[in-house]
Protein backbone atom coordinates (compact mmCIF):
# COMPACT_ATOMS: atom_id res chain seq x y z
CA UNK A 1 183.91 168.29 145.40
CA UNK A 2 183.29 164.45 145.83
CA UNK A 3 181.96 165.36 150.08
CA UNK A 4 179.65 167.94 148.57
CA UNK A 5 178.22 166.17 146.26
CA UNK A 6 177.71 163.20 148.51
CA UNK A 7 176.07 165.51 151.73
CA UNK A 8 173.61 166.84 148.80
CA UNK A 9 172.74 163.45 147.82
CA UNK A 10 171.91 162.70 151.64
CA UNK A 11 169.70 165.74 152.26
CA UNK A 12 167.63 164.89 149.04
CA UNK A 13 167.35 161.48 150.40
CA UNK A 14 165.98 162.89 153.88
CA UNK A 15 163.36 164.95 152.32
CA UNK A 16 161.73 162.09 149.77
CA UNK A 17 161.78 159.64 153.26
CA UNK A 18 159.85 162.79 155.29
CA UNK A 19 157.46 163.66 152.42
CA UNK A 20 156.65 159.92 152.09
CA UNK A 21 155.82 159.50 155.59
CA UNK A 22 153.87 162.94 155.77
CA UNK A 23 151.76 161.68 152.62
CA UNK A 24 151.07 158.19 154.30
CA UNK A 25 149.87 160.24 157.60
CA UNK A 26 147.79 162.36 156.25
CA UNK A 27 143.89 161.97 157.09
CA UNK A 28 141.70 162.68 153.85
CA UNK A 29 139.50 165.18 154.57
CA UNK A 30 135.34 164.34 154.92
CA UNK A 31 132.99 165.57 152.33
CA UNK A 32 129.96 166.83 153.58
CA UNK A 33 126.58 166.22 151.53
CA UNK A 34 124.62 169.23 150.84
CA UNK A 35 121.02 169.62 152.25
CA UNK A 36 118.70 167.51 149.80
CA UNK A 37 116.07 169.69 148.22
CA UNK A 38 112.42 168.83 149.16
CA UNK A 39 109.04 170.41 148.40
CA UNK A 40 106.91 171.37 150.87
CA UNK A 41 103.69 173.41 151.73
CA UNK A 42 102.93 175.46 154.70
CA UNK A 43 99.68 174.29 156.76
CA UNK A 44 96.86 177.19 156.24
CA UNK A 45 93.45 176.13 157.64
CA UNK A 46 90.40 176.94 155.46
CA UNK A 47 86.95 175.90 154.86
CA UNK A 48 86.69 172.99 152.35
CA UNK A 49 83.91 170.68 151.40
CA UNK A 50 83.10 167.89 153.73
CA UNK A 51 82.50 164.32 151.48
CA UNK A 52 81.77 160.99 152.76
CA UNK A 53 82.36 157.66 150.61
CA UNK A 54 80.72 154.48 151.32
CA UNK A 55 79.53 151.24 149.70
CA UNK A 56 76.36 151.20 147.60
CA UNK A 57 74.20 148.93 145.29
CA UNK A 58 72.10 149.93 142.78
CA UNK A 59 68.36 148.90 142.50
CA UNK A 60 65.90 149.26 140.50
CA UNK A 61 63.53 152.40 140.48
CA UNK A 62 60.81 149.46 140.77
CA UNK A 63 60.87 145.97 140.31
CA UNK A 64 56.94 144.41 139.53
CA UNK A 65 56.88 140.40 139.79
CA UNK A 66 54.63 140.02 136.28
CA UNK A 67 51.98 136.89 138.00
CA UNK A 68 49.30 134.99 136.53
CA UNK A 69 45.66 135.74 137.99
CA UNK A 70 44.47 132.66 136.52
CA UNK A 71 45.46 129.35 136.47
CA UNK A 72 45.92 127.35 132.82
CA UNK A 73 48.19 125.94 130.60
CA UNK A 74 50.74 128.92 129.36
CA UNK A 75 50.61 129.08 125.41
CA UNK A 76 53.02 131.39 124.74
CA UNK A 77 55.16 134.26 125.30
CA UNK A 78 54.81 137.40 123.15
CA UNK A 79 58.20 139.07 123.96
CA UNK A 80 61.94 139.07 123.93
CA UNK A 81 63.43 138.58 127.37
CA UNK A 82 65.70 141.24 128.71
CA UNK A 83 63.90 144.14 126.28
CA UNK A 84 62.24 146.65 126.98
CA UNK A 85 58.45 146.56 127.32
CA UNK A 86 55.78 149.15 127.67
CA UNK A 87 52.79 149.35 130.19
CA UNK A 88 49.91 147.21 129.02
CA UNK A 89 51.86 145.48 126.51
CA UNK A 90 50.79 141.97 126.10
CA UNK A 91 53.58 139.74 127.56
CA UNK A 92 52.12 135.94 128.00
CA UNK A 93 49.01 134.26 127.02
CA UNK A 94 47.25 131.57 128.97
CA UNK A 95 44.82 128.78 127.39
CA UNK A 96 41.40 130.65 127.41
CA UNK A 97 39.24 128.43 126.22
CA UNK A 98 38.01 126.81 129.75
CA UNK A 99 37.31 130.60 130.53
CA UNK A 100 35.45 131.29 127.42
CA UNK A 101 33.12 128.13 128.08
CA UNK A 102 32.82 129.62 131.86
CA UNK A 103 31.85 133.06 130.36
CA UNK A 104 29.17 131.58 128.00
CA UNK A 105 27.63 129.40 131.05
CA UNK A 106 27.57 133.13 132.93
CA UNK A 107 25.69 134.65 130.32
CA UNK A 108 23.06 131.75 130.15
CA UNK A 109 22.88 132.10 134.18
CA UNK A 110 22.32 136.02 133.21
CA UNK A 111 19.61 134.98 130.76
CA UNK A 112 17.80 132.87 133.13
CA UNK A 113 18.09 134.76 135.85
CA UNK A 114 16.84 138.50 133.84
CA UNK A 115 13.45 136.14 132.79
CA UNK A 116 12.82 134.86 136.36
CA UNK A 117 13.29 138.66 137.19
CA UNK A 118 10.74 139.99 134.49
CA UNK A 119 8.14 137.44 135.77
CA UNK A 120 8.62 138.35 139.16
CA UNK A 121 8.15 141.79 138.58
CA UNK A 122 4.73 141.16 136.58
CA UNK A 123 3.73 139.13 139.30
CA UNK A 124 4.19 141.54 141.90
CA UNK A 125 2.86 144.24 139.68
CA UNK A 126 -0.23 141.93 139.16
CA UNK A 127 -0.94 141.42 142.76
CA UNK A 128 -0.43 144.68 144.30
CA UNK A 129 -3.57 146.22 142.97
CA UNK A 130 -5.36 143.15 144.00
CA UNK A 131 -4.18 143.28 147.61
CA UNK A 132 -5.28 146.92 147.78
CA UNK A 133 -8.79 145.83 147.14
CA UNK A 134 -8.26 143.09 149.29
CA UNK A 135 -8.98 140.85 146.53
CA UNK A 136 -6.21 138.61 147.53
CA UNK A 137 -4.71 137.84 150.65
CA UNK A 138 -1.68 139.33 152.57
CA UNK A 139 0.52 136.15 152.08
CA UNK A 140 0.08 136.24 148.66
CA UNK A 141 1.24 139.47 148.28
CA UNK A 142 4.27 139.21 150.70
CA UNK A 143 5.16 135.65 148.64
CA UNK A 144 5.15 138.09 145.45
CA UNK A 145 7.33 140.84 146.76
CA UNK A 146 9.74 137.77 148.21
CA UNK A 147 9.59 136.03 144.50
CA UNK A 148 10.62 139.57 143.21
CA UNK A 149 13.30 140.53 145.70
CA UNK A 150 14.87 137.20 145.31
CA UNK A 151 14.71 137.37 141.42
CA UNK A 152 16.26 140.88 141.88
CA UNK A 153 19.49 139.31 143.99
CA UNK A 154 19.68 136.39 141.47
CA UNK A 155 19.71 138.81 138.49
CA UNK A 156 22.78 140.89 140.54
CA UNK A 157 24.46 137.51 141.31
CA UNK A 158 24.26 136.44 137.70
CA UNK A 159 25.84 139.71 136.47
CA UNK A 160 28.65 139.52 139.14
CA UNK A 161 29.56 136.03 137.40
CA UNK A 162 29.35 137.21 134.25
CA UNK A 163 31.76 140.18 134.63
CA UNK A 164 33.97 137.86 136.87
CA UNK A 165 33.77 135.48 133.96
CA UNK A 166 34.72 138.18 131.69
CA UNK A 167 37.71 139.47 134.09
CA UNK A 168 39.38 135.95 134.16
CA UNK A 169 39.53 135.35 130.24
CA UNK A 170 40.77 138.89 129.91
CA UNK A 171 43.39 137.62 132.25
CA UNK A 172 44.01 135.08 129.89
CA UNK A 173 46.47 137.66 128.62
CA UNK A 174 48.98 138.79 131.09
CA UNK A 175 50.31 142.35 130.26
CA UNK A 176 53.16 144.26 131.52
CA UNK A 177 51.95 146.42 134.76
CA UNK A 178 54.47 148.92 134.10
CA UNK A 179 57.34 150.22 131.42
CA UNK A 180 60.47 149.00 131.72
CA UNK A 181 63.06 146.00 131.14
CA UNK A 182 61.86 142.13 131.45
CA UNK A 183 64.37 139.18 133.41
CA UNK A 184 64.48 136.25 132.43
CA UNK A 185 61.59 134.12 131.50
CA UNK A 186 60.43 132.34 134.96
CA UNK A 187 57.67 129.16 133.32
CA UNK A 188 58.16 128.01 130.09
CA UNK A 189 55.49 127.36 127.28
CA UNK A 190 53.47 124.45 128.25
CA UNK A 191 53.66 124.75 131.67
CA UNK A 192 50.70 124.45 133.97
CA UNK A 193 50.04 128.14 135.51
CA UNK A 194 48.69 128.33 139.15
CA UNK A 195 47.34 131.76 140.24
CA UNK A 196 48.85 131.36 143.80
CA UNK A 197 52.42 129.61 144.69
CA UNK A 198 55.81 130.30 142.84
CA UNK A 199 54.40 128.70 139.30
CA UNK A 200 52.28 132.16 139.15
CA UNK A 201 55.70 134.38 138.76
CA UNK A 202 56.59 134.77 135.17
CA UNK A 203 58.89 137.33 134.87
CA UNK A 204 60.04 140.39 136.61
CA UNK A 205 60.07 144.08 135.45
CA UNK A 206 62.71 146.77 136.41
CA UNK A 207 62.42 150.00 135.77
CA UNK A 208 66.05 151.69 135.46
CA UNK A 209 65.19 155.22 134.63
CA UNK A 210 65.52 156.72 137.21
CA UNK A 211 67.65 154.11 139.68
CA UNK A 212 67.96 153.93 143.19
CA UNK A 213 71.29 153.28 145.07
CA UNK A 214 71.27 152.20 148.53
CA UNK A 215 73.80 152.74 151.07
CA UNK A 216 74.30 152.51 154.82
CA UNK A 217 75.95 155.38 157.19
CA UNK A 218 77.21 154.04 160.60
CA UNK A 219 75.37 155.43 163.79
CA UNK A 220 79.07 156.34 164.83
CA UNK A 221 79.18 158.70 161.78
CA UNK A 222 75.45 160.11 162.65
CA UNK A 223 76.65 160.94 166.32
CA UNK A 224 80.15 162.71 165.12
CA UNK A 225 78.17 164.83 162.47
CA UNK A 226 75.68 165.85 165.07
CA UNK A 227 78.37 166.48 167.71
CA UNK A 228 80.32 168.55 164.90
CA UNK A 229 77.21 170.36 164.06
CA UNK A 230 76.49 171.32 167.52
CA UNK A 231 80.31 172.89 168.06
CA UNK A 232 80.19 174.96 165.18
CA UNK A 233 82.82 172.58 163.40
CA UNK A 234 80.78 172.12 160.27
CA UNK A 235 77.99 173.18 158.43
CA UNK A 236 75.51 170.56 156.70
CA UNK A 237 73.88 171.05 153.76
CA UNK A 238 70.20 171.27 153.74
CA UNK A 239 68.43 167.88 153.13
CA UNK A 240 67.59 168.89 149.52
CA UNK A 241 70.78 169.34 148.55
CA UNK A 242 72.76 166.02 149.88
CA UNK A 243 73.91 165.32 146.55
CA UNK A 244 75.92 162.39 145.52
CA UNK A 245 78.32 160.96 143.00
CA UNK A 246 78.94 157.19 141.94
CA UNK A 247 82.54 155.53 141.53
CA UNK A 248 82.00 152.23 139.06
CA UNK A 249 83.91 149.19 139.58
CA UNK A 250 86.27 150.04 136.40
CA UNK A 251 87.45 153.30 138.69
CA UNK A 252 85.03 155.37 136.13
CA UNK A 253 83.13 158.59 137.59
CA UNK A 254 79.24 158.28 136.73
CA UNK A 255 78.27 161.26 134.88
CA UNK A 256 75.26 161.80 136.76
CA UNK A 257 75.05 163.39 140.05
CA UNK A 258 72.51 162.14 142.51
CA UNK A 259 70.07 163.35 145.13
CA UNK A 260 69.79 161.96 148.68
CA UNK A 261 66.01 161.27 148.80
CA UNK A 262 65.59 159.03 151.87
CA UNK A 263 67.20 157.97 155.51
CA UNK A 264 65.58 155.92 157.74
CA UNK A 265 64.30 157.06 161.37
CA UNK A 266 65.95 154.03 163.17
CA UNK A 267 69.35 152.05 163.47
CA UNK A 268 69.15 148.35 162.20
CA UNK A 269 70.14 146.63 165.47
CA UNK A 270 72.16 143.81 163.37
CA UNK A 271 74.80 146.30 161.99
CA UNK A 272 74.39 149.35 163.91
CA UNK A 273 73.95 151.02 160.39
CA UNK A 274 71.39 153.55 159.33
CA UNK A 275 69.66 152.90 155.72
CA UNK A 276 70.01 155.73 153.16
CA UNK A 277 69.09 155.78 149.24
CA UNK A 278 69.91 158.13 146.54
CA UNK A 279 68.24 158.50 143.07
CA UNK A 280 70.25 159.09 139.94
CA UNK A 281 68.94 159.44 136.30
CA UNK A 282 69.91 156.53 133.71
CA UNK A 283 68.40 157.40 130.81
CA UNK A 284 71.13 155.44 128.84
CA UNK A 285 71.08 152.31 130.79
CA UNK A 286 74.68 152.51 131.88
CA UNK A 287 73.67 151.03 135.49
CA UNK A 288 72.05 148.17 136.25
CA UNK A 289 70.40 146.47 139.42
CA UNK A 290 72.46 145.05 141.50
CA UNK A 291 75.75 146.95 140.85
CA UNK A 292 78.48 147.65 143.55
CA UNK A 293 79.56 150.98 143.63
CA UNK A 294 81.37 153.78 145.51
CA UNK A 295 78.99 156.77 146.67
CA UNK A 296 80.30 159.85 147.74
CA UNK A 297 78.06 162.23 149.69
CA UNK A 298 78.13 165.93 149.70
CA UNK A 299 77.35 166.61 153.22
CA UNK A 300 78.56 170.39 153.96
CA UNK A 301 81.52 172.14 154.60
CA UNK A 302 84.22 171.57 157.44
CA UNK A 303 85.24 174.55 159.24
CA UNK A 304 89.06 175.80 159.24
CA UNK A 305 90.06 172.24 158.25
CA UNK A 306 93.83 171.37 157.25
CA UNK A 307 93.93 169.72 154.13
CA UNK A 308 97.12 168.44 152.38
CA UNK A 309 98.00 165.94 149.36
CA UNK A 310 97.49 162.34 149.82
CA UNK A 311 101.25 162.26 148.88
CA UNK A 312 102.56 163.80 151.80
CA UNK A 313 100.97 160.95 154.24
CA UNK A 314 103.20 157.62 154.87
CA UNK A 315 101.43 154.94 156.46
CA UNK A 316 103.60 153.01 159.06
CA UNK A 317 101.71 149.59 160.02
CA UNK A 318 98.52 150.94 161.49
CA UNK A 319 99.72 154.74 161.76
CA UNK A 320 99.75 157.72 159.30
CA UNK A 321 103.21 160.17 159.47
CA UNK A 322 103.65 163.01 158.10
CA UNK A 323 107.22 164.71 157.22
CA UNK A 324 107.60 168.19 158.30
CA UNK A 325 110.14 170.65 158.49
CA UNK A 326 111.39 172.58 161.52
CA UNK A 327 112.94 176.40 161.78
CA UNK A 328 116.50 174.93 161.66
CA UNK A 329 115.47 172.86 158.27
CA UNK A 330 115.76 169.43 160.22
CA UNK A 331 112.89 167.04 159.16
CA UNK A 332 110.72 165.98 162.00
CA UNK A 333 108.07 163.01 161.55
CA UNK A 334 104.56 163.85 162.88
CA UNK A 335 101.80 161.04 163.57
CA UNK A 336 98.53 162.14 162.14
CA UNK A 337 94.86 160.92 161.98
CA UNK A 338 92.89 161.85 158.94
CA UNK A 339 90.04 161.78 157.24
CA UNK A 340 89.43 160.86 153.52
CA UNK A 341 89.08 163.81 151.11
CA UNK A 342 88.58 164.32 147.11
CA UNK A 343 90.76 165.31 144.15
CA UNK A 344 93.79 163.62 145.87
CA UNK A 345 93.72 165.44 148.99
CA UNK A 346 93.03 164.40 152.70
CA UNK A 347 91.99 166.27 155.70
CA UNK A 348 94.30 166.30 158.97
CA UNK A 349 92.17 165.58 162.10
CA UNK A 350 94.88 165.94 164.28
CA UNK A 351 98.77 166.23 164.63
CA UNK A 352 99.22 169.57 162.58
CA UNK A 353 99.02 173.21 163.23
CA UNK A 354 98.50 176.24 161.47
CA UNK A 355 102.22 177.62 159.77
CA UNK A 356 103.88 173.79 160.29
CA UNK A 357 105.67 172.90 156.90
CA UNK A 358 105.01 169.44 155.51
CA UNK A 359 107.17 167.58 152.89
CA UNK A 360 104.93 166.84 149.91
CA UNK A 361 107.70 165.56 147.52
CA UNK A 362 111.41 163.98 148.45
CA UNK A 363 110.24 162.09 151.44
CA UNK A 364 112.70 159.59 150.24
CA UNK A 365 115.33 161.69 150.52
CA UNK A 366 114.66 163.40 153.75
CA UNK A 367 115.11 160.94 156.44
CA UNK A 368 113.98 161.70 160.43
CA UNK A 369 116.22 164.34 161.74
CA UNK A 370 118.35 165.04 158.60
CA UNK A 371 118.92 168.23 157.21
CA UNK A 372 117.06 169.17 153.84
CA UNK A 373 116.41 172.45 151.77
CA UNK A 374 112.87 173.46 151.34
CA UNK A 375 111.01 174.79 148.41
CA UNK A 376 107.80 176.21 148.94
CA UNK A 377 105.70 174.36 146.50
CA UNK A 378 104.29 177.48 144.91
CA UNK A 379 107.69 178.72 144.44
CA UNK A 380 109.77 178.05 141.12
CA UNK A 381 112.88 176.28 141.93
CA UNK A 382 116.26 178.02 142.28
CA UNK A 383 118.53 177.43 138.74
CA UNK A 384 121.64 175.72 139.73
């Protein structure tokens, strides 16, 4: 009995040792991560609006320098700087006294010329019948006519001098040539104003409504558009329907839509660009001349274009890459060339084909070569 018990203990100890060794030599099973879910869209070419964004600068519809037409001392300013003024409103007054004196002198000269004309006319009328009766010589008749003609000329000259004196006196009141907003005063009261030179400039009036936005587009842009139009790749809007939108410095969108009303007929050789201009309503004065804005032009329609969300594009140094999913659900990066579009979309010029599945969400979980679980963006996600 004692031997039997000893044998059973030995067998149990052996089984324990073997079990321990088997446990030590067992290799743990490797867990396989399930494919990461990613959102994809299937590329489908379609006609999309063609737009172009560029930098522009606002400018007054009309910028007019207010200048003095006469010399003199600036007596006073009759408006508030930076405020709106109306056409014909008196803005400045120049000392009128010297011009009043000149006007009085011109009136005296005109009166004297009128008296001389009356006398010359009477002499001519008196000598004419006598000359017909040969009572006076031909020389006396010619002298009378010459005196009359000279008196007429002197009278006309005196009238012109009087009118000039009247105008100069009127010009001592400097009026606004257009309605608009005034700039800072260029000359202060008491300054000697000259009709010529920089001292004659008193202020500037700008008309803000409507308002111009000046911009330029490159020669290359024009050539690409012309080439695409000839090939049928795009359809351009009629020039009368070239509209423009503005984005301000703070990123906000300007509420009014503008109209492109000018494009130059030559290329600037210094910059290689073509100047253009759009006009916008500015009734509330939100825009001021000299502002830099982003101008987006509605050019036409791009035929059979591939448009994808901008978030699907990854920039790698100077290149742009789009992550796609092949038929085996593996991630394949594709380099692309793009053209900016609107509403968070970009137009892919090269690199994608119809039917490609582009990852729009979940790129961080989908390194190249990995297997993913694509979910079509328009389809709801499967419940877990």
